[in-house]
């Protein structure tokens, strides 16, 4: 099993978020429950628990997703786009 010392990151930002998480730095706070997150993306995913709002909607069938990557996967697998 690879340790974090062997992990590669596509950007310095990704590495910074990862390091902050291990150091307990969570600069993005939920406005509903005050839980902290290491990135805005993680906070946005959490907010769905409180609001039920999913930002990414399929233009073909209306399926809704929390993350753009999940919509892209849906489009590729379901609609061959």
C-alpha atoms as a PDB file:
ATOM      1  CA  UNK A   1       0.000   0.000   0.000  1.00  0.00           C
ATOM      2  CA  UNK A   2       1.336   3.403  -0.934  1.00  0.00           C
ATOM      3  CA  UNK A   3       1.868   5.957   1.788  1.00  0.00           C
ATOM      4  CA  UNK A   4       1.171   9.650   1.339  1.00  0.00           C
ATOM      5  CA  UNK A   5       4.874  10.202   0.665  1.00  0.00           C
ATOM      6  CA  UNK A   6       4.388   8.274  -2.591  1.00  0.00           C
ATOM      7  CA  UNK A   7       1.293  10.163  -3.754  1.00  0.00           C
ATOM      8  CA  UNK A   8       1.436  12.430  -6.766  1.00  0.00           C
ATOM      9  CA  UNK A   9      -0.670  15.556  -7.225  1.00  0.00           C
ATOM     10  CA  UNK A  10      -1.603  17.224 -10.500  1.00  0.00           C
ATOM     11  CA  UNK A  11      -1.172  20.676  -9.006  1.00  0.00           C
ATOM     12  CA  UNK A  12       0.526  22.430  -6.122  1.00  0.00           C
ATOM     13  CA  UNK A  13      -2.978  23.452  -4.967  1.00  0.00           C
ATOM     14  CA  UNK A  14      -3.987  19.785  -4.655  1.00  0.00           C
ATOM     15  CA  UNK A  15      -0.904  19.075  -2.585  1.00  0.00           C
ATOM     16  CA  UNK A  16      -1.609  22.101  -0.354  1.00  0.00           C
ATOM     17  CA  UNK A  17      -5.210  20.967   0.284  1.00  0.00           C
ATOM     18  CA  UNK A  18      -3.950  17.476   1.113  1.00  0.00           C
ATOM     19  CA  UNK A  19      -1.305  18.782   3.517  1.00  0.00           C
ATOM     20  CA  UNK A  20      -3.790  21.151   5.180  1.00  0.00           C
ATOM     21  CA  UNK A  21      -6.147  18.246   5.790  1.00  0.00           C
ATOM     22  CA  UNK A  22      -3.429  16.301   7.612  1.00  0.00           C
ATOM     23  CA  UNK A  23      -2.591  19.369   9.693  1.00  0.00           C
ATOM     24  CA  UNK A  24      -6.233  19.923  10.665  1.00  0.00           C
ATOM     25  CA  UNK A  25      -6.597  23.127   8.628  1.00  0.00           C
ATOM     26  CA  UNK A  26     -10.181  23.457   7.385  1.00  0.00           C
ATOM     27  CA  UNK A  27     -10.664  27.021   6.093  1.00  0.00           C
ATOM     28  CA  UNK A  28     -14.078  26.437   4.477  1.00  0.00           C
ATOM     29  CA  UNK A  29     -16.931  26.259   7.005  1.00  0.00           C
ATOM     30  CA  UNK A  30     -20.507  25.101   6.519  1.00  0.00           C
ATOM     31  CA  UNK A  31     -22.931  27.928   7.209  1.00  0.00           C
ATOM     32  CA  UNK A  32     -25.504  25.457   8.580  1.00  0.00           C
ATOM     33  CA  UNK A  33     -23.508  23.252  10.966  1.00  0.00           C
ATOM     34  CA  UNK A  34     -20.050  24.919  11.108  1.00  0.00           C
ATOM     35  CA  UNK A  35     -18.256  21.740   9.987  1.00  0.00           C
ATOM     36  CA  UNK A  36     -14.904  22.584   8.373  1.00  0.00           C
ATOM     37  CA  UNK A  37     -13.578  21.453   4.984  1.00  0.00           C
ATOM     38  CA  UNK A  38     -10.205  21.601   3.301  1.00  0.00           C
ATOM     39  CA  UNK A  39     -11.592  22.768  -0.073  1.00  0.00           C
ATOM     40  CA  UNK A  40     -14.583  24.596  -1.509  1.00  0.00           C
ATOM     41  CA  UNK A  41     -15.382  21.518  -3.598  1.00  0.00           C
ATOM     42  CA  UNK A  42     -15.729  19.360  -0.486  1.00  0.00           C
ATOM     43  CA  UNK A  43     -17.849  22.019   1.217  1.00  0.00           C
ATOM     44  CA  UNK A  44     -20.115  22.274  -1.849  1.00  0.00           C
ATOM     45  CA  UNK A  45     -20.638  18.510  -1.769  1.00  0.00           C
ATOM     46  CA  UNK A  46     -21.510  18.661   1.927  1.00  0.00           C
ATOM     47  CA  UNK A  47     -24.026  21.489   1.455  1.00  0.00           C
ATOM     48  CA  UNK A  48     -26.292  19.134  -0.508  1.00  0.00           C
ATOM     49  CA  UNK A  49     -27.040  17.428   2.826  1.00  0.00           C
ATOM     50  CA  UNK A  50     -28.593  20.656   4.083  1.00  0.00           C
ATOM     51  CA  UNK A  51     -30.105  22.154   0.932  1.00  0.00           C
ATOM     52  CA  UNK A  52     -30.799  19.209  -1.379  1.00  0.00           C
ATOM     53  CA  UNK A  53     -29.577  21.387  -4.272  1.00  0.00           C
ATOM     54  CA  UNK A  54     -27.411  19.624  -6.842  1.00  0.00           C
ATOM     55  CA  UNK A  55     -25.693  22.100  -9.163  1.00  0.00           C
ATOM     56  CA  UNK A  56     -24.998  19.885 -12.163  1.00  0.00           C
ATOM     57  CA  UNK A  57     -27.967  18.758 -14.289  1.00  0.00           C
ATOM     58  CA  UNK A  58     -27.994  16.532 -17.377  1.00  0.00           C
ATOM     59  CA  UNK A  59     -29.465  18.307 -20.400  1.00  0.00           C
ATOM     60  CA  UNK A  60     -30.668  14.969 -21.837  1.00  0.00           C
ATOM     61  CA  UNK A  61     -32.550  13.351 -18.957  1.00  0.00           C
ATOM     62  CA  UNK A  62     -32.486  15.840 -16.068  1.00  0.00           C
ATOM     63  CA  UNK A  63     -30.388  13.692 -13.699  1.00  0.00           C
ATOM     64  CA  UNK A  64     -28.765  15.909 -11.072  1.00  0.00           C
ATOM     65  CA  UNK A  65     -25.320  15.604  -9.526  1.00  0.00           C
ATOM     66  CA  UNK A  66     -23.340  17.273  -6.767  1.00  0.00           C
ATOM     67  CA  UNK A  67     -20.058  17.213  -8.671  1.00  0.00           C
ATOM     68  CA  UNK A  68     -19.270  18.049 -12.304  1.00  0.00           C
ATOM     69  CA  UNK A  69     -17.120  14.928 -12.564  1.00  0.00           C
ATOM     70  CA  UNK A  70     -20.144  12.769 -11.754  1.00  0.00           C
ATOM     71  CA  UNK A  71     -22.217  14.488 -14.456  1.00  0.00           C
ATOM     72  CA  UNK A  72     -19.393  13.946 -16.966  1.00  0.00           C
ATOM     73  CA  UNK A  73     -19.276  10.253 -16.033  1.00  0.00           C
ATOM     74  CA  UNK A  74     -23.063  10.005 -16.398  1.00  0.00           C
ATOM     75  CA  UNK A  75     -22.923  11.681 -19.821  1.00  0.00           C
ATOM     76  CA  UNK A  76     -20.173   9.326 -20.989  1.00  0.00           C
ATOM     77  CA  UNK A  77     -21.766   6.116 -19.704  1.00  0.00           C
ATOM     78  CA  UNK A  78     -25.453   6.862 -20.260  1.00  0.00           C
ATOM     79  CA  UNK A  79     -25.576   9.131 -23.307  1.00  0.00           C
ATOM     80  CA  UNK A  80     -22.248   8.306 -25.006  1.00  0.00           C
ATOM     81  CA  UNK A  81     -21.234  11.995 -24.895  1.00  0.00           C
END
